[in-house]
């Protein structure tokens, strides 16, 4: 469906231990995502539904929410994006030796840089106050950057009404 190297935009609001909500866009294919209570829910744009299921299914699914099995290995990458723990593990795990990188500011916040020379990515952490991660910058030609902001802001997680089980659609 989506090959590596495609442009990715991710805007998530996450609550530790509870889930999250937001939007993911990969090469124009958009997904709204909510993880709350005992489920993960997705709602795609027309382009996504047409790509994965064809035009007829896209018309039927447009505007509807699909419920994804929360523990299914097939959907683990999607599920990890809706969890602060999963996102941090995914973005900060599997690194080589770390070295100091130049300090600077991220959105006006003084930051200390930590670089992984093996991958070329740099993590910036708040240099004052609570040392929250602020940003991960990928090397030139990589998938871009991940910004961590709005720490400790309230987030309301509400499950969608009448979702369609993705397992029913796939005949499992």
N, C-alpha and C. Protein backbone atom coordinates (compact mmCIF):
# COMPACT_ATOMS: atom_id res chain seq x y z
N UNK A 1 0.82 -1.19 0.00
CA UNK A 1 0.00 0.00 0.00
C UNK A 1 0.86 1.26 0.00
N UNK A 2 1.75 1.41 0.98
CA UNK A 2 2.60 2.59 1.08
C UNK A 2 4.04 2.13 1.10
N UNK A 3 4.86 2.68 0.24
CA UNK A 3 6.25 2.25 0.23
C UNK A 3 7.11 3.19 1.06
N UNK A 4 8.25 2.70 1.46
CA UNK A 4 9.17 3.50 2.28
C UNK A 4 9.60 4.72 1.49
N UNK A 5 9.89 5.78 2.20
CA UNK A 5 10.38 6.99 1.57
C UNK A 5 9.28 7.98 1.18
N UNK A 6 8.01 7.62 1.38
CA UNK A 6 6.91 8.53 1.07
C UNK A 6 6.84 9.61 2.15
N UNK A 7 6.41 10.85 1.79
CA UNK A 7 6.27 11.90 2.79
C UNK A 7 5.20 11.53 3.83
N UNK A 8 5.53 11.74 5.10
CA UNK A 8 4.62 11.40 6.20
C UNK A 8 4.37 12.65 7.05
N UNK A 9 3.10 12.90 7.37
CA UNK A 9 2.73 13.96 8.32
C UNK A 9 1.96 13.28 9.44
N UNK A 10 2.34 13.56 10.66
CA UNK A 10 1.73 12.93 11.83
C UNK A 10 1.43 14.03 12.84
N UNK A 11 0.17 14.16 13.23
CA UNK A 11 -0.23 15.14 14.25
C UNK A 11 -1.07 14.39 15.27
N UNK A 12 -0.45 14.03 16.39
CA UNK A 12 -1.12 13.22 17.40
C UNK A 12 -1.15 13.95 18.74
N UNK A 13 -2.23 13.74 19.48
CA UNK A 13 -2.34 14.17 20.87
C UNK A 13 -2.43 12.89 21.69
N UNK A 14 -1.46 12.69 22.58
CA UNK A 14 -1.35 11.43 23.30
C UNK A 14 -1.46 11.63 24.80
N UNK A 15 -2.07 10.65 25.47
CA UNK A 15 -2.22 10.66 26.92
C UNK A 15 -1.61 9.37 27.45
N UNK A 16 -0.59 9.50 28.30
CA UNK A 16 0.11 8.33 28.82
C UNK A 16 -0.87 7.36 29.47
N UNK A 17 -0.80 6.10 29.07
CA UNK A 17 -1.62 5.05 29.65
C UNK A 17 -3.07 5.03 29.21
N UNK A 18 -3.49 6.00 28.37
CA UNK A 18 -4.90 6.06 27.97
C UNK A 18 -5.12 5.99 26.47
N UNK A 19 -4.17 6.45 25.68
CA UNK A 19 -4.35 6.42 24.23
C UNK A 19 -4.05 7.75 23.60
N UNK A 20 -4.73 8.02 22.47
CA UNK A 20 -4.48 9.27 21.78
C UNK A 20 -5.41 9.44 20.60
N UNK A 21 -5.26 10.59 19.94
CA UNK A 21 -6.04 10.86 18.74
C UNK A 21 -5.22 11.77 17.84
N UNK A 22 -5.54 11.72 16.55
CA UNK A 22 -4.84 12.59 15.64
C UNK A 22 -5.03 12.20 14.20
N UNK A 23 -4.12 12.68 13.36
CA UNK A 23 -4.21 12.46 11.91
C UNK A 23 -2.84 12.05 11.38
N UNK A 24 -2.86 11.09 10.47
CA UNK A 24 -1.66 10.63 9.79
C UNK A 24 -1.92 10.78 8.29
N UNK A 25 -0.96 11.39 7.59
CA UNK A 25 -1.08 11.50 6.13
C UNK A 25 0.22 10.97 5.53
N UNK A 26 0.10 9.98 4.66
CA UNK A 26 1.24 9.40 3.97
C UNK A 26 0.98 9.54 2.48
N UNK A 27 1.77 10.38 1.84
CA UNK A 27 1.66 10.59 0.40
C UNK A 27 0.22 10.89 -0.03
N UNK A 28 -0.46 11.75 0.73
CA UNK A 28 -1.83 12.15 0.39
C UNK A 28 -2.92 11.23 0.90
N UNK A 29 -2.55 10.09 1.46
CA UNK A 29 -3.54 9.15 2.00
C UNK A 29 -3.70 9.44 3.48
N UNK A 30 -4.87 9.96 3.88
CA UNK A 30 -5.08 10.40 5.25
C UNK A 30 -5.88 9.45 6.10
N UNK A 31 -5.51 9.38 7.38
CA UNK A 31 -6.22 8.55 8.36
C UNK A 31 -6.38 9.35 9.64
N UNK A 32 -7.64 9.46 10.11
CA UNK A 32 -7.88 9.96 11.46
C UNK A 32 -7.82 8.75 12.36
N UNK A 33 -7.23 8.92 13.55
CA UNK A 33 -6.97 7.80 14.44
C UNK A 33 -7.36 8.17 15.86
N UNK A 34 -8.07 7.27 16.52
CA UNK A 34 -8.41 7.43 17.94
C UNK A 34 -8.12 6.10 18.63
N UNK A 35 -7.37 6.15 19.71
CA UNK A 35 -7.16 4.98 20.55
C UNK A 35 -7.67 5.34 21.93
N UNK A 36 -8.72 4.66 22.36
CA UNK A 36 -9.32 4.97 23.65
C UNK A 36 -10.01 3.73 24.18
N UNK A 37 -10.11 3.67 25.49
CA UNK A 37 -10.76 2.55 26.15
C UNK A 37 -10.19 1.24 25.63
N UNK A 38 -10.99 0.40 25.00
CA UNK A 38 -10.52 -0.90 24.54
C UNK A 38 -10.46 -1.01 23.03
N UNK A 39 -10.22 0.09 22.35
CA UNK A 39 -10.21 -0.01 20.91
C UNK A 39 -9.36 1.04 20.22
N UNK A 40 -9.02 0.73 18.99
CA UNK A 40 -8.34 1.67 18.11
C UNK A 40 -9.26 1.85 16.91
N UNK A 41 -9.51 3.11 16.57
CA UNK A 41 -10.47 3.43 15.53
C UNK A 41 -9.79 4.28 14.46
N UNK A 42 -10.09 3.99 13.18
CA UNK A 42 -9.53 4.74 12.08
C UNK A 42 -10.64 5.16 11.12
N UNK A 43 -10.45 6.32 10.51
CA UNK A 43 -11.35 6.80 9.49
C UNK A 43 -10.49 7.42 8.40
N UNK A 44 -10.58 6.89 7.20
CA UNK A 44 -9.71 7.35 6.13
C UNK A 44 -10.37 8.34 5.20
N UNK A 45 -9.53 9.01 4.40
CA UNK A 45 -10.07 9.87 3.37
C UNK A 45 -10.40 9.03 2.13
N UNK A 46 -11.06 9.62 1.16
CA UNK A 46 -11.47 8.90 -0.05
C UNK A 46 -10.28 8.26 -0.76
N UNK A 47 -9.17 9.01 -0.85
CA UNK A 47 -7.99 8.49 -1.55
C UNK A 47 -7.47 7.22 -0.88
N UNK A 48 -7.47 7.18 0.45
CA UNK A 48 -7.02 5.97 1.15
C UNK A 48 -7.94 4.80 0.86
N UNK A 49 -9.24 5.00 1.02
CA UNK A 49 -10.19 3.91 0.81
C UNK A 49 -10.15 3.42 -0.64
N UNK A 50 -10.00 4.33 -1.59
CA UNK A 50 -9.91 3.90 -2.99
C UNK A 50 -8.65 3.07 -3.23
N UNK A 51 -7.55 3.48 -2.58
CA UNK A 51 -6.28 2.76 -2.75
C UNK A 51 -6.35 1.35 -2.18
N UNK A 52 -6.94 1.21 -0.99
CA UNK A 52 -6.92 -0.10 -0.34
C UNK A 52 -8.13 -0.98 -0.68
N UNK A 53 -9.25 -0.36 -1.12
CA UNK A 53 -10.45 -1.17 -1.30
C UNK A 53 -11.20 -0.91 -2.60
N UNK A 54 -10.82 0.11 -3.36
CA UNK A 54 -11.50 0.40 -4.61
C UNK A 54 -12.57 1.46 -4.44
N UNK A 55 -13.08 1.99 -5.56
CA UNK A 55 -14.02 3.12 -5.52
C UNK A 55 -15.37 2.79 -4.88
N UNK A 56 -15.88 1.58 -5.09
CA UNK A 56 -17.19 1.23 -4.51
C UNK A 56 -17.10 1.21 -2.99
N UNK A 57 -16.09 0.54 -2.46
CA UNK A 57 -15.90 0.49 -1.01
C UNK A 57 -15.63 1.89 -0.45
N UNK A 58 -14.90 2.71 -1.20
CA UNK A 58 -14.61 4.08 -0.74
C UNK A 58 -15.90 4.86 -0.53
N UNK A 59 -16.86 4.69 -1.43
CA UNK A 59 -18.14 5.40 -1.27
C UNK A 59 -18.89 4.91 -0.03
N UNK A 60 -18.83 3.61 0.22
CA UNK A 60 -19.54 3.04 1.37
C UNK A 60 -18.85 3.42 2.69
N UNK A 61 -17.53 3.42 2.69
CA UNK A 61 -16.77 3.66 3.93
C UNK A 61 -16.57 5.14 4.25
N UNK A 62 -16.72 6.02 3.27
CA UNK A 62 -16.46 7.44 3.49
C UNK A 62 -17.25 7.96 4.68
N UNK A 63 -16.53 8.59 5.61
CA UNK A 63 -17.17 9.17 6.79
C UNK A 63 -17.42 8.17 7.91
N UNK A 64 -17.11 6.90 7.71
CA UNK A 64 -17.33 5.88 8.73
C UNK A 64 -16.03 5.59 9.47
N UNK A 65 -16.17 5.14 10.70
CA UNK A 65 -15.02 4.73 11.51
C UNK A 65 -14.91 3.22 11.48
N UNK A 66 -13.68 2.72 11.39
CA UNK A 66 -13.39 1.30 11.45
C UNK A 66 -12.72 1.00 12.78
N UNK A 67 -13.14 -0.10 13.42
CA UNK A 67 -12.50 -0.51 14.67
C UNK A 67 -11.43 -1.55 14.35
N UNK A 68 -10.23 -1.28 14.81
CA UNK A 68 -9.07 -2.14 14.57
C UNK A 68 -8.82 -2.97 15.82
N UNK A 69 -8.50 -4.26 15.68
CA UNK A 69 -8.19 -5.06 16.87
C UNK A 69 -6.97 -4.48 17.60
N UNK A 70 -7.09 -4.13 18.86
CA UNK A 70 -6.00 -3.45 19.56
C UNK A 70 -4.74 -4.29 19.74
N UNK A 71 -4.83 -5.59 19.75
CA UNK A 71 -3.65 -6.45 19.98
C UNK A 71 -3.20 -7.17 18.73
N UNK A 72 -3.78 -6.88 17.59
CA UNK A 72 -3.44 -7.58 16.36
C UNK A 72 -2.06 -7.19 15.86
N UNK A 73 -1.18 -8.18 15.60
CA UNK A 73 0.15 -7.86 15.07
C UNK A 73 0.09 -7.15 13.71
N UNK A 74 -0.97 -7.41 12.94
CA UNK A 74 -1.10 -6.76 11.63
C UNK A 74 -1.22 -5.25 11.74
N UNK A 75 -1.77 -4.79 12.84
CA UNK A 75 -2.01 -3.35 13.02
C UNK A 75 -1.11 -2.73 14.08
N UNK A 76 -0.10 -3.47 14.53
CA UNK A 76 0.80 -2.99 15.59
C UNK A 76 1.44 -1.64 15.27
N UNK A 77 1.94 -1.41 14.04
CA UNK A 77 2.53 -0.09 13.75
C UNK A 77 1.53 1.05 13.91
N UNK A 78 0.30 0.82 13.48
CA UNK A 78 -0.74 1.84 13.61
C UNK A 78 -1.09 2.05 15.08
N UNK A 79 -1.23 0.95 15.81
CA UNK A 79 -1.56 1.04 17.24
C UNK A 79 -0.46 1.77 18.02
N UNK A 80 0.80 1.57 17.66
CA UNK A 80 1.89 2.20 18.41
C UNK A 80 1.90 3.71 18.23
N UNK A 81 1.35 4.21 17.13
CA UNK A 81 1.31 5.66 16.91
C UNK A 81 0.32 6.36 17.84
N UNK A 82 -0.62 5.61 18.38
CA UNK A 82 -1.63 6.19 19.26
C UNK A 82 -1.32 5.98 20.73
N UNK A 83 -0.07 5.69 21.03
CA UNK A 83 0.36 5.47 22.40
C UNK A 83 1.66 6.24 22.61
N UNK A 84 1.73 7.06 23.64
CA UNK A 84 2.96 7.82 23.90
C UNK A 84 4.11 6.85 24.12
N UNK A 85 3.83 5.75 24.82
CA UNK A 85 4.86 4.76 25.08
C UNK A 85 5.32 4.12 23.76
N UNK A 86 4.37 3.75 22.91
CA UNK A 86 4.70 3.14 21.63
C UNK A 86 5.43 4.08 20.70
N UNK A 87 5.00 5.34 20.66
CA UNK A 87 5.64 6.32 19.78
C UNK A 87 7.07 6.59 20.23
N UNK A 88 7.27 6.75 21.53
CA UNK A 88 8.62 6.99 22.04
C UNK A 88 9.50 5.77 21.78
N UNK A 89 8.97 4.57 22.03
CA UNK A 89 9.75 3.36 21.75
C UNK A 89 10.11 3.27 20.27
N UNK A 90 9.17 3.58 19.39
CA UNK A 90 9.40 3.49 17.95
C UNK A 90 10.41 4.53 17.48
N UNK A 91 10.30 5.75 17.97
CA UNK A 91 11.16 6.83 17.47
C UNK A 91 12.51 6.90 18.16
N UNK A 92 12.61 6.44 19.39
CA UNK A 92 13.87 6.59 20.11
C UNK A 92 14.62 5.28 20.32
N UNK A 93 14.02 4.16 19.98
CA UNK A 93 14.69 2.87 20.17
C UNK A 93 15.62 2.58 19.00
N UNK A 94 16.39 1.53 19.15
CA UNK A 94 17.25 1.03 18.08
C UNK A 94 18.22 2.10 17.58
N UNK A 95 18.99 2.62 18.50
CA UNK A 95 19.98 3.63 18.11
C UNK A 95 21.38 3.13 18.44
N UNK A 96 22.35 3.74 17.82
CA UNK A 96 23.74 3.42 18.10
C UNK A 96 24.25 4.24 19.26
N UNK A 97 25.56 4.39 19.33
CA UNK A 97 26.17 5.23 20.36
C UNK A 97 25.73 6.67 20.15
N UNK A 98 25.50 7.37 21.24
CA UNK A 98 25.04 8.76 21.15
C UNK A 98 26.18 9.72 21.46
N UNK A 99 26.16 10.87 20.78
CA UNK A 99 27.17 11.90 21.01
C UNK A 99 26.45 13.24 21.16
N UNK A 100 27.13 14.17 21.81
CA UNK A 100 26.56 15.51 21.97
C UNK A 100 26.45 16.18 20.61
N UNK A 101 25.35 16.90 20.41
CA UNK A 101 25.13 17.68 19.19
C UNK A 101 25.04 19.14 19.62
N UNK A 102 25.17 20.07 18.68
CA UNK A 102 25.08 21.48 19.05
C UNK A 102 23.74 21.79 19.74
N UNK A 103 23.81 22.64 20.76
CA UNK A 103 22.59 23.10 21.43
C UNK A 103 21.94 24.16 20.57
N UNK A 104 20.70 24.47 20.86
CA UNK A 104 19.98 25.49 20.11
C UNK A 104 18.64 25.74 20.74
N UNK A 105 17.68 26.13 19.94
CA UNK A 105 16.32 26.32 20.43
C UNK A 105 15.36 25.59 19.49
N UNK A 106 14.27 25.12 20.08
CA UNK A 106 13.19 24.50 19.32
C UNK A 106 11.92 25.26 19.68
N UNK A 107 11.37 25.95 18.71
CA UNK A 107 10.19 26.79 18.94
C UNK A 107 10.38 27.71 20.14
N UNK A 108 11.56 28.31 20.24
CA UNK A 108 11.87 29.26 21.30
C UNK A 108 12.30 28.66 22.62
N UNK A 109 12.33 27.35 22.73
CA UNK A 109 12.73 26.67 23.98
C UNK A 109 14.20 26.27 23.86
N UNK A 110 15.04 26.68 24.82
CA UNK A 110 16.44 26.24 24.79
C UNK A 110 16.51 24.71 24.82
N UNK A 111 17.38 24.15 23.96
CA UNK A 111 17.44 22.69 23.83
C UNK A 111 18.86 22.19 23.75
N UNK A 112 19.05 20.98 24.27
CA UNK A 112 20.31 20.26 24.18
C UNK A 112 20.14 19.19 23.11
N UNK A 113 21.13 19.05 22.23
CA UNK A 113 21.05 18.05 21.18
C UNK A 113 21.83 16.80 21.50
N UNK A 114 21.27 15.65 21.13
CA UNK A 114 21.93 14.35 21.26
C UNK A 114 21.81 13.69 19.89
N UNK A 115 22.95 13.29 19.32
CA UNK A 115 22.97 12.77 17.95
C UNK A 115 23.36 11.30 17.92
N UNK A 116 22.74 10.57 17.00
CA UNK A 116 23.09 9.19 16.73
C UNK A 116 23.87 9.19 15.41
N UNK A 117 25.22 9.13 15.47
CA UNK A 117 26.01 9.19 14.24
C UNK A 117 25.70 8.07 13.25
N UNK A 118 25.27 6.91 13.74
CA UNK A 118 25.00 5.79 12.83
C UNK A 118 23.78 6.05 11.95
N UNK A 119 22.84 6.83 12.44
CA UNK A 119 21.63 7.12 11.66
C UNK A 119 21.56 8.58 11.24
N UNK A 120 22.36 9.43 11.87
CA UNK A 120 22.37 10.84 11.52
C UNK A 120 21.24 11.64 12.15
N UNK A 121 20.39 11.02 12.93
CA UNK A 121 19.26 11.72 13.55
C UNK A 121 19.72 12.41 14.83
N UNK A 122 19.07 13.55 15.13
CA UNK A 122 19.37 14.30 16.34
C UNK A 122 18.10 14.48 17.16
N UNK A 123 18.19 14.19 18.45
CA UNK A 123 17.10 14.41 19.40
C UNK A 123 17.43 15.68 20.17
N UNK A 124 16.45 16.59 20.25
CA UNK A 124 16.60 17.81 21.05
C UNK A 124 15.69 17.69 22.27
N UNK A 125 16.28 17.96 23.44
CA UNK A 125 15.59 17.86 24.72
C UNK A 125 15.63 19.22 25.39
N UNK A 126 14.54 19.59 26.08
CA UNK A 126 14.48 20.89 26.77
C UNK A 126 15.66 21.02 27.73
N UNK A 127 16.36 22.15 27.63
CA UNK A 127 17.55 22.40 28.46
C UNK A 127 17.18 23.03 29.79
N UNK A 128 15.97 23.54 29.92
CA UNK A 128 15.52 24.15 31.17
C UNK A 128 14.18 23.52 31.56
N UNK A 129 13.88 23.52 32.85
CA UNK A 129 12.63 22.93 33.31
C UNK A 129 12.67 21.42 33.17
N UNK A 130 11.52 20.83 32.92
CA UNK A 130 11.42 19.38 32.74
C UNK A 130 12.08 19.01 31.41
N UNK A 131 12.97 18.02 31.39
CA UNK A 131 13.69 17.68 30.15
C UNK A 131 12.85 16.85 29.16
N UNK A 132 11.76 17.45 28.70
CA UNK A 132 10.91 16.77 27.72
C UNK A 132 11.61 16.70 26.37
N UNK A 133 11.40 15.60 25.62
CA UNK A 133 11.84 15.59 24.23
C UNK A 133 11.07 16.67 23.47
N UNK A 134 11.75 17.42 22.62
CA UNK A 134 11.12 18.49 21.86
C UNK A 134 11.03 18.18 20.37
N UNK A 135 12.07 17.52 19.84
CA UNK A 135 12.11 17.31 18.41
C UNK A 135 13.14 16.25 18.06
N UNK A 136 12.84 15.46 17.03
CA UNK A 136 13.82 14.56 16.42
C UNK A 136 13.95 15.02 14.98
N UNK A 137 15.17 15.32 14.58
CA UNK A 137 15.44 15.75 13.22
C UNK A 137 16.18 14.63 12.50
N UNK A 138 15.60 14.18 11.41
CA UNK A 138 16.21 13.11 10.62
C UNK A 138 17.24 13.73 9.67
N UNK A 139 18.19 12.94 9.19
CA UNK A 139 19.21 13.47 8.28
C UNK A 139 18.60 13.92 6.95
N UNK A 140 19.33 14.75 6.23
CA UNK A 140 18.87 15.22 4.93
C UNK A 140 18.50 14.03 4.05
N UNK A 141 17.38 14.15 3.38
CA UNK A 141 16.91 13.05 2.53
C UNK A 141 16.10 12.03 3.29
N UNK A 142 16.04 12.16 4.63
CA UNK A 142 15.25 11.24 5.45
C UNK A 142 13.81 11.69 5.52
N UNK A 143 13.00 11.03 6.38
CA UNK A 143 11.58 11.33 6.43
C UNK A 143 11.21 12.63 7.14
N UNK A 144 12.18 13.46 7.53
CA UNK A 144 11.82 14.75 8.10
C UNK A 144 12.09 14.88 9.58
N UNK A 145 11.08 15.35 10.30
CA UNK A 145 11.25 15.58 11.73
C UNK A 145 9.99 15.23 12.49
N UNK A 146 10.18 14.96 13.77
CA UNK A 146 9.07 14.69 14.68
C UNK A 146 9.15 15.75 15.77
N UNK A 147 8.05 16.47 15.97
CA UNK A 147 8.00 17.52 16.98
C UNK A 147 7.12 17.04 18.13
N UNK A 148 7.63 17.19 19.34
CA UNK A 148 6.88 16.87 20.54
C UNK A 148 6.53 18.21 21.20
N UNK A 149 5.25 18.53 21.28
CA UNK A 149 4.86 19.79 21.89
C UNK A 149 3.55 19.60 22.67
N UNK A 150 3.06 20.66 23.23
CA UNK A 150 1.81 20.67 24.01
C UNK A 150 1.85 19.68 25.18
N UNK A 151 3.03 19.52 25.80
CA UNK A 151 3.15 18.62 26.95
C UNK A 151 2.17 19.05 28.04
N UNK A 152 1.51 18.09 28.64
CA UNK A 152 0.59 18.27 29.77
C UNK A 152 -0.65 19.09 29.45
N UNK A 153 -1.01 19.20 28.18
CA UNK A 153 -2.25 19.86 27.80
C UNK A 153 -3.39 18.84 27.86
N UNK A 154 -4.60 19.26 28.24
CA UNK A 154 -5.70 18.30 28.32
C UNK A 154 -6.09 17.75 26.93
N UNK A 155 -6.43 16.47 26.90
CA UNK A 155 -6.85 15.80 25.66
C UNK A 155 -8.10 15.00 26.00
N UNK A 156 -9.15 15.15 25.20
CA UNK A 156 -10.37 14.38 25.38
C UNK A 156 -10.40 13.25 24.36
N UNK A 157 -10.52 12.04 24.86
CA UNK A 157 -10.57 10.86 23.99
C UNK A 157 -11.98 10.28 24.02
N UNK A 158 -12.67 10.38 22.90
CA UNK A 158 -14.04 9.88 22.80
C UNK A 158 -14.11 8.87 21.67
N UNK A 159 -14.63 7.68 21.99
CA UNK A 159 -14.73 6.65 20.96
C UNK A 159 -15.87 6.99 19.99
N UNK A 160 -15.67 6.70 18.71
CA UNK A 160 -16.70 6.99 17.72
C UNK A 160 -17.92 6.09 17.88
N UNK A 161 -19.08 6.61 17.52
CA UNK A 161 -20.32 5.83 17.58
C UNK A 161 -20.40 4.90 16.37
N UNK A 162 -20.90 3.72 16.58
CA UNK A 162 -21.18 2.74 15.52
C UNK A 162 -20.03 2.47 14.56
N UNK A 163 -18.85 2.10 15.08
CA UNK A 163 -17.76 1.77 14.16
C UNK A 163 -18.01 0.43 13.47
N UNK A 164 -17.38 0.24 12.33
CA UNK A 164 -17.43 -1.03 11.61
C UNK A 164 -16.18 -1.81 12.00
N UNK A 165 -16.34 -3.08 12.37
CA UNK A 165 -15.18 -3.91 12.71
C UNK A 165 -14.39 -4.21 11.45
N UNK A 166 -13.11 -3.89 11.47
CA UNK A 166 -12.26 -4.16 10.31
C UNK A 166 -12.11 -5.66 10.10
N UNK A 167 -12.24 -6.45 11.17
CA UNK A 167 -12.20 -7.90 11.05
C UNK A 167 -13.39 -8.42 10.24
N UNK A 168 -14.56 -7.81 10.42
CA UNK A 168 -15.73 -8.21 9.64
C UNK A 168 -15.53 -7.90 8.16
N UNK A 169 -14.91 -6.76 7.87
CA UNK A 169 -14.67 -6.39 6.47
C UNK A 169 -13.71 -7.34 5.79
N UNK A 170 -12.70 -7.79 6.56
CA UNK A 170 -11.70 -8.66 5.97
C UNK A 170 -12.09 -10.14 6.02
N UNK A 171 -13.25 -10.45 6.63
CA UNK A 171 -13.74 -11.82 6.68
C UNK A 171 -13.03 -12.70 7.69
N UNK A 172 -12.40 -12.11 8.71
CA UNK A 172 -11.70 -12.91 9.73
C UNK A 172 -12.61 -13.28 10.86
